[in-house]
Amino acid sequence: MNLSIMTSMSMGKNRKIFVDTSGLLALFDRKDQYHQSAAEYYRKISTRKKVITNLIVAETYTRLRQQAGFDLAMTFLAAIDAAKNSGLLDLVYSNARIETLSRSYLDKYHDHKLSYTDAVSFAVILQPRSEIHEIFAYDRHFIMTKKLVCPGLGK
């Protein structure tokens, strides 16, 4: 699936969308139980600016490679490159500042079994002056960010 095609939503067009592994797995793996809703939602947001972390790229590649094979995992990486080159995707690399913040989220939400990747995502999403107002995910942990989580929650 090409991450830079289709049409955008008319409302909130300039607001950035954070993309989680759960959304990407559903979008790329046709066997995923949420594939249909992910594809429909993605068509609506395809031309909006998205944000992703390098940890999500690594996690998504690994899970696609294990669950669906090498070809689909490489198709995913090519789509990430195409979206970055088109200017529709900001790839945020985890660094010492982000990881220090992520540890505070691991402590704060210690009773929620938050993954390290999710904690880093929280640090990116919730940083001051963040332009992220929406999250493409099926992971219930993202409700804790108090941002709009779309297209729906599942896992």
Protein backbone atom coordinates (compact mmCIF):
# COMPACT_ATOMS: atom_id res chain seq x y z
CA MET A 1 0.00 0.00 0.00
CA ASN A 2 1.44 3.39 -0.98
CA LEU A 3 1.42 5.77 1.99
CA SER A 4 1.07 8.90 -0.15
CA ILE A 5 -1.98 8.32 -2.38
CA MET A 6 -5.74 8.88 -2.25
CA THR A 7 -7.74 11.81 -0.84
CA SER A 8 -7.70 13.67 2.46
CA MET A 9 -10.32 14.48 5.03
CA SER A 10 -11.68 17.98 4.67
CA MET A 11 -11.63 18.69 8.42
CA GLY A 12 -8.33 18.83 10.30
CA LYS A 13 -6.34 18.62 7.11
CA ASN A 14 -3.32 20.46 8.56
CA ARG A 15 -3.20 18.48 11.80
CA LYS A 16 -0.57 15.77 12.01
CA ILE A 17 -1.45 12.14 12.61
CA PHE A 18 0.79 9.84 14.62
CA VAL A 19 0.95 6.35 13.13
CA ASP A 20 1.31 3.35 15.45
CA THR A 21 2.46 -0.18 14.67
CA SER A 22 -1.08 -1.50 15.19
CA GLY A 23 -2.41 0.78 12.45
CA LEU A 24 0.41 -0.13 10.08
CA LEU A 25 0.03 -3.86 10.62
CA ALA A 26 -3.69 -3.62 9.92
CA LEU A 27 -3.04 -1.50 6.83
CA PHE A 28 -0.36 -3.69 5.26
CA ASP A 29 -1.41 -7.20 6.27
CA ARG A 30 -4.56 -8.15 4.40
CA LYS A 31 -5.07 -11.03 6.85
CA ASP A 32 -5.24 -8.67 9.83
CA GLN A 33 -8.70 -8.55 11.40
CA TYR A 34 -8.71 -4.74 11.11
CA HIS A 35 -7.38 -4.51 7.55
CA GLN A 36 -10.64 -3.33 5.97
CA SER A 37 -11.25 -0.53 8.47
CA ALA A 38 -7.57 0.50 8.34
CA ALA A 39 -7.65 0.72 4.54
CA GLU A 40 -10.88 2.76 4.58
CA TYR A 41 -9.55 5.12 7.24
CA TYR A 42 -6.23 5.49 5.45
CA ARG A 43 -7.95 6.55 2.25
CA LYS A 44 -9.42 9.48 4.21
CA ILE A 45 -6.10 10.59 5.69
CA SER A 46 -3.67 9.67 2.92
CA THR A 47 -2.65 13.22 2.03
CA ARG A 48 -2.38 14.45 5.61
CA LYS A 49 1.01 14.78 7.28
CA LYS A 50 1.95 11.79 9.43
CA VAL A 51 4.53 11.23 12.18
CA ILE A 52 6.22 7.95 13.02
CA THR A 53 9.22 6.90 15.09
CA ASN A 54 12.14 4.75 14.07
CA LEU A 55 11.08 2.28 16.79
CA ILE A 56 7.68 1.87 15.12
CA VAL A 57 9.38 1.27 11.76
CA ALA A 58 11.58 -1.41 13.38
CA GLU A 59 8.67 -3.01 15.24
CA THR A 60 6.39 -3.01 12.19
CA TYR A 61 9.06 -4.41 9.86
CA THR A 62 9.84 -7.19 12.35
CA ARG A 63 6.21 -8.17 12.89
CA LEU A 64 5.40 -8.08 9.16
CA ARG A 65 8.51 -10.14 8.43
CA GLN A 66 7.50 -12.74 11.01
CA GLN A 67 3.77 -12.82 10.23
CA ALA A 68 3.56 -12.16 6.50
CA GLY A 69 7.03 -12.67 5.04
CA PHE A 70 10.00 -10.81 3.65
CA ASP A 71 8.30 -9.35 0.57
CA LEU A 72 5.55 -7.58 2.51
CA ALA A 73 8.04 -6.31 5.09
CA MET A 74 10.19 -4.84 2.31
CA THR A 75 7.08 -3.35 0.65
CA PHE A 76 6.39 -1.62 3.97
CA LEU A 77 9.92 -0.16 4.09
CA ALA A 78 9.61 1.06 0.49
CA ALA A 79 6.29 2.75 1.37
CA ILE A 80 7.92 4.47 4.35
CA ASP A 81 10.71 5.76 2.08
CA ALA A 82 8.19 6.97 -0.52
CA ALA A 83 6.11 8.78 2.12
CA LYS A 84 9.22 10.45 3.57
CA ASN A 85 10.38 11.51 0.11
CA SER A 86 6.95 12.96 -0.69
CA GLY A 87 7.02 15.08 2.46
CA LEU A 88 3.96 13.35 3.94
CA LEU A 89 5.85 11.55 6.69
CA ASP A 90 8.08 12.86 9.45
CA LEU A 91 10.32 10.13 10.84
CA VAL A 92 11.33 10.94 14.42
CA TYR A 93 14.44 9.19 15.69
CA SER A 94 14.47 8.30 19.36
CA ASN A 95 17.18 10.14 21.27
CA ALA A 96 18.29 10.63 24.88
CA ARG A 97 15.71 13.37 25.58
CA ILE A 98 12.82 11.33 24.15
CA GLU A 99 13.92 8.18 25.96
CA THR A 100 14.20 10.02 29.27
CA LEU A 101 10.63 11.23 28.81
CA SER A 102 9.53 7.75 27.79
CA ARG A 103 10.74 6.36 31.11
CA SER A 104 8.47 8.79 32.92
CA TYR A 105 5.52 7.34 30.96
CA LEU A 106 6.62 3.80 31.81
CA ASP A 107 6.59 4.80 35.49
CA LYS A 108 3.33 6.74 35.27
CA TYR A 109 1.49 3.91 33.51
CA HIS A 110 3.27 0.99 35.21
CA ASP A 111 -0.04 -0.83 35.69
CA HIS A 112 -0.89 -0.78 31.94
CA LYS A 113 1.88 -3.02 30.50
CA LEU A 114 2.97 -0.21 28.20
CA SER A 115 5.68 -1.30 25.75
CA TYR A 116 8.90 0.68 25.43
CA THR A 117 7.95 1.59 21.85
CA ASP A 118 4.59 2.92 23.06
CA ALA A 119 6.30 4.94 25.81
CA VAL A 120 8.63 6.52 23.23
CA SER A 121 5.55 7.23 21.10
CA PHE A 122 3.88 8.94 24.07
CA ALA A 123 6.98 11.11 24.53
CA VAL A 124 6.76 12.21 20.87
CA ILE A 125 2.98 12.70 20.84
CA LEU A 126 2.79 14.59 24.13
CA GLN A 127 5.81 16.86 23.77
CA PRO A 128 5.11 20.59 24.22
CA ARG A 129 3.89 22.33 21.06
CA SER A 130 3.15 19.01 19.41
CA GLU A 131 1.08 19.34 16.24
CA ILE A 132 -0.17 15.77 16.64
CA HIS A 133 -3.92 15.72 17.26
CA GLU A 134 -4.85 12.26 16.05
CA ILE A 135 -3.42 8.74 16.28
CA PHE A 136 -3.88 5.96 13.71
CA ALA A 137 -3.95 2.92 15.98
CA TYR A 138 -5.87 -0.06 17.25
CA ASP A 139 -3.94 -0.13 20.53
CA ARG A 140 -6.03 0.91 23.55
CA HIS A 141 -2.98 2.34 25.33
CA PHE A 142 -3.18 5.44 23.15
CA ILE A 143 -6.42 6.53 24.85
CA MET A 144 -4.17 7.65 27.70
CA THR A 145 -2.70 10.40 25.49
CA LYS A 146 -6.14 12.07 25.41
CA LYS A 147 -5.75 12.47 21.63
CA LEU A 148 -8.25 11.24 19.05
CA VAL A 149 -7.53 7.57 18.32
CA CYS A 150 -8.85 6.40 14.96
CA PRO A 151 -10.33 4.51 13.23
CA GLY A 152 -11.30 2.56 16.31
CA LEU A 153 -9.89 0.49 19.11
CA GLY A 154 -9.36 -3.19 19.12
CA LYS A 155 -6.29 -4.70 20.76
